């Protein structure tokens, strides 16, 4: 078997990233089901067969784009400095929702992959399980800092609060998809987090 040269490896990585860029853009604009693999291939100067060399199926491409989206969301939350006030953390979750809404097709994609992840035999299952664990631990840690600083009430179950934040976000995104975009997604997330802030902050104020 011929050995791949370092230059060839770098070209392959660059081509894969270009495909992911094109797929992310197409999925964001037109949604997953309405985007043809041939359209993505054309965007990066490949035949559909050439695209399938990098991603054997549309579902493989879906999972790769979903993984990148999870990484991007984590990076957005990581923009907050360590020890940021708890209210700033909750406000950041509202901001992240607004960024998601700027790419509505990718909300549909996230809902699709979430459904796929419910099947324990699916590759999406381990991907989402790991990402959810990381998101839960990271968010709970930030909320715990607010308890330590006295901003949040002593004894606040930060893991439970973080789990609620994630569940509410995911559930509202599903409702947004089912409503055909009719739900005020950012407003609904903000209202939930405002109510939550009133129950966990020491001063009882919302966002």
Protein backbone atom coordinates (compact mmCIF):
# COMPACT_ATOMS: atom_id res chain seq x y z
CA UNK A 1 0.00 0.00 0.00
CA UNK A 2 1.49 3.41 -0.94
CA UNK A 3 2.34 5.63 2.01
CA UNK A 4 0.65 8.98 2.21
CA UNK A 5 3.14 11.86 2.17
CA UNK A 6 2.92 14.66 4.77
CA UNK A 7 1.93 17.04 1.99
CA UNK A 8 -0.81 14.71 0.83
CA UNK A 9 -2.09 14.40 4.39
CA UNK A 10 -2.26 18.18 4.76
CA UNK A 11 -4.11 18.47 1.47
CA UNK A 12 -6.61 15.85 2.64
CA UNK A 13 -7.20 17.69 5.91
CA UNK A 14 -7.65 20.99 4.07
CA UNK A 15 -10.08 19.40 1.62
CA UNK A 16 -12.09 17.90 4.47
CA UNK A 17 -12.30 21.30 6.18
CA UNK A 18 -13.41 22.91 2.91
CA UNK A 19 -16.17 20.31 2.58
CA UNK A 20 -17.30 20.96 6.15
CA UNK A 21 -17.32 24.72 5.47
CA UNK A 22 -19.44 24.23 2.36
CA UNK A 23 -21.80 21.76 4.06
CA UNK A 24 -22.23 24.02 7.08
CA UNK A 25 -23.14 26.93 4.84
CA UNK A 26 -25.54 24.91 2.71
CA UNK A 27 -27.22 23.26 5.72
CA UNK A 28 -27.51 26.65 7.45
CA UNK A 29 -29.23 28.22 4.44
CA UNK A 30 -31.33 25.40 3.08
CA UNK A 31 -31.54 22.80 5.80
CA UNK A 32 -30.23 19.25 5.79
CA UNK A 33 -32.95 17.52 3.78
CA UNK A 34 -33.08 20.21 1.10
CA UNK A 35 -29.33 20.19 0.48
CA UNK A 36 -27.99 17.80 -2.16
CA UNK A 37 -24.56 16.21 -1.81
CA UNK A 38 -23.90 17.24 -5.41
CA UNK A 39 -24.37 20.90 -4.44
CA UNK A 40 -21.81 20.62 -1.65
CA UNK A 41 -19.39 18.78 -3.94
CA UNK A 42 -19.71 21.51 -6.58
CA UNK A 43 -18.96 24.20 -3.97
CA UNK A 44 -15.52 22.68 -3.35
CA UNK A 45 -14.77 21.66 -6.93
CA UNK A 46 -15.35 17.93 -6.47
CA UNK A 47 -17.52 15.34 -8.11
CA UNK A 48 -20.05 13.69 -5.84
CA UNK A 49 -17.84 10.58 -5.95
CA UNK A 50 -14.89 12.65 -4.80
CA UNK A 51 -16.94 13.99 -1.90
CA UNK A 52 -17.90 10.45 -0.89
CA UNK A 53 -14.20 9.61 -0.63
CA UNK A 54 -14.03 11.97 2.36
CA UNK A 55 -17.53 11.36 3.75
CA UNK A 56 -19.04 7.98 2.76
CA UNK A 57 -22.63 9.19 3.14
CA UNK A 58 -24.70 12.26 3.80
CA UNK A 59 -25.27 11.02 7.35
CA UNK A 60 -21.51 10.94 7.95
CA UNK A 61 -21.33 14.53 6.77
CA UNK A 62 -24.28 15.44 8.98
CA UNK A 63 -22.50 14.08 12.05
CA UNK A 64 -19.26 15.89 11.18
CA UNK A 65 -21.08 19.22 10.79
CA UNK A 66 -22.99 18.59 14.03
CA UNK A 67 -19.74 17.87 15.87
CA UNK A 68 -18.24 21.10 14.57
CA UNK A 69 -21.35 22.98 15.70
CA UNK A 70 -21.04 21.57 19.21
CA UNK A 71 -17.39 22.63 19.28
CA UNK A 72 -18.34 26.12 18.09
CA UNK A 73 -21.01 26.45 20.78
CA UNK A 74 -18.50 25.41 23.43
CA UNK A 75 -16.04 28.00 22.08
CA UNK A 76 -18.70 30.73 22.31
CA UNK A 77 -19.30 29.90 25.97
CA UNK A 78 -15.54 29.82 26.45
CA UNK A 79 -15.42 33.52 25.53
CA UNK A 80 -16.44 34.25 29.11
CA UNK A 81 -13.46 34.73 31.44
CA UNK A 82 -12.98 32.23 34.28
CA UNK A 83 -15.00 33.22 37.33
CA UNK A 84 -17.44 35.36 35.33
CA UNK A 85 -20.55 36.38 37.31
CA UNK A 86 -23.38 33.87 37.21
CA UNK A 87 -25.76 36.32 35.58
CA UNK A 88 -23.19 36.87 32.81
CA UNK A 89 -23.11 33.11 32.26
CA UNK A 90 -26.90 32.98 31.93
CA UNK A 91 -26.90 36.03 29.65
CA UNK A 92 -24.26 34.34 27.51
CA UNK A 93 -26.62 31.40 27.01
CA UNK A 94 -29.20 33.86 25.63
CA UNK A 95 -26.55 35.34 23.32
CA UNK A 96 -25.57 31.88 22.08
CA UNK A 97 -29.21 31.19 21.25
CA UNK A 98 -29.26 34.33 19.13
CA UNK A 99 -26.15 33.17 17.28
CA UNK A 100 -27.80 29.83 16.61
CA UNK A 101 -30.88 31.59 15.28
CA UNK A 102 -28.70 33.39 12.73
CA UNK A 103 -28.20 29.97 11.09
CA UNK A 104 -31.68 28.42 11.27
CA UNK A 105 -30.85 25.43 9.10
CA UNK A 106 -28.31 24.32 11.67
CA UNK A 107 -30.95 24.31 14.41
CA UNK A 108 -32.85 21.79 12.30
CA UNK A 109 -29.62 19.83 11.92
CA UNK A 110 -29.04 19.76 15.68
CA UNK A 111 -32.55 18.47 16.28
CA UNK A 112 -32.05 15.76 13.65
CA UNK A 113 -28.80 14.57 15.16
CA UNK A 114 -30.27 14.66 18.66
CA UNK A 115 -32.98 12.25 17.50
CA UNK A 116 -30.36 10.05 15.84
CA UNK A 117 -28.33 10.06 19.07
CA UNK A 118 -31.19 8.42 20.95
CA UNK A 119 -30.28 5.18 19.17
CA UNK A 120 -27.45 3.64 21.21
CA UNK A 121 -26.12 1.87 18.10
CA UNK A 122 -25.72 5.13 16.16
CA UNK A 123 -22.33 6.89 15.89
CA UNK A 124 -24.18 10.02 16.98
CA UNK A 125 -24.91 8.43 20.37
CA UNK A 126 -21.34 8.41 21.69
CA UNK A 127 -20.62 11.80 20.13
CA UNK A 128 -23.56 13.51 21.78
CA UNK A 129 -23.16 11.66 25.09
CA UNK A 130 -19.57 12.88 25.40
CA UNK A 131 -20.42 16.43 24.32
CA UNK A 132 -23.35 16.61 26.72
CA UNK A 133 -21.18 15.44 29.60
CA UNK A 134 -18.57 18.08 28.76
CA UNK A 135 -21.20 20.81 28.44
CA UNK A 136 -22.82 19.79 31.72
CA UNK A 137 -19.55 19.73 33.64
CA UNK A 138 -18.36 23.02 32.13
CA UNK A 139 -21.59 24.92 32.76
CA UNK A 140 -22.00 23.52 36.28
CA UNK A 141 -18.45 24.61 37.09
CA UNK A 142 -19.18 28.17 36.00
CA UNK A 143 -22.37 28.26 38.06
CA UNK A 144 -20.54 26.83 41.08
CA UNK A 145 -18.16 29.79 40.93
CA UNK A 146 -21.20 32.05 41.38
CA UNK A 147 -22.18 30.09 44.50
CA UNK A 148 -18.64 30.41 45.87
CA UNK A 149 -18.68 34.17 45.28
CA UNK A 150 -22.00 34.56 47.09
CA UNK A 151 -23.89 35.67 43.98
CA UNK A 152 -25.93 32.44 43.91
CA UNK A 153 -27.61 30.98 46.96
CA UNK A 154 -25.67 28.53 49.11
CA UNK A 155 -26.63 24.93 48.44
CA UNK A 156 -27.64 25.57 44.82
CA UNK A 157 -27.45 22.28 42.92
CA UNK A 158 -25.33 23.56 40.05
CA UNK A 159 -25.41 20.27 38.13
CA UNK A 160 -29.22 20.24 38.23
CA UNK A 161 -29.38 23.90 37.15
CA UNK A 162 -26.94 23.27 34.29
CA UNK A 163 -28.94 20.23 33.20
CA UNK A 164 -32.13 22.31 33.21
CA UNK A 165 -30.50 25.03 31.11
CA UNK A 166 -29.37 22.51 28.49
CA UNK A 167 -32.70 20.68 28.47
CA UNK A 168 -34.69 23.90 28.09
CA UNK A 169 -32.47 25.09 25.24
CA UNK A 170 -32.76 21.79 23.37
CA UNK A 171 -36.49 21.49 23.96
CA UNK A 172 -37.17 25.03 22.79
CA UNK A 173 -35.09 24.47 19.67
CA UNK A 174 -37.26 21.44 18.89
CA UNK A 175 -40.41 23.52 19.40
CA UNK A 176 -38.95 26.22 17.17
CA UNK A 177 -38.46 23.66 14.37
CA UNK A 178 -41.95 22.19 14.85
CA UNK A 179 -43.49 25.67 14.76
CA UNK A 180 -41.78 26.43 11.45
CA UNK A 181 -39.80 29.19 13.11
CA UNK A 182 -42.88 30.77 14.64
CA UNK A 183 -41.62 30.52 18.21
CA UNK A 184 -39.67 33.46 19.58
CA UNK A 185 -36.71 31.24 20.46
CA UNK A 186 -34.46 33.90 21.96
CA UNK A 187 -37.35 35.40 23.92
CA UNK A 188 -38.36 32.00 25.29
CA UNK A 189 -34.80 31.16 26.37
CA UNK A 190 -34.38 34.59 27.95
CA UNK A 191 -37.67 34.25 29.86
CA UNK A 192 -36.68 30.83 31.18
CA UNK A 193 -33.25 32.00 32.32
CA UNK A 194 -34.72 35.14 33.89
CA UNK A 195 -37.09 33.00 35.98
CA UNK A 196 -34.22 30.69 36.85
CA UNK A 197 -32.02 33.60 37.95
CA UNK A 198 -34.74 34.77 40.33
CA UNK A 199 -34.68 31.40 42.09
CA UNK A 200 -30.90 30.91 42.40
CA UNK A 201 -29.49 34.41 42.95
CA UNK A 202 -28.94 35.57 46.49
CA UNK A 203 -30.70 38.89 45.81
CA UNK A 204 -33.61 37.25 43.96
CA UNK A 205 -33.24 39.43 40.87
CA UNK A 206 -33.52 38.19 37.31
CA UNK A 207 -31.28 38.86 34.34
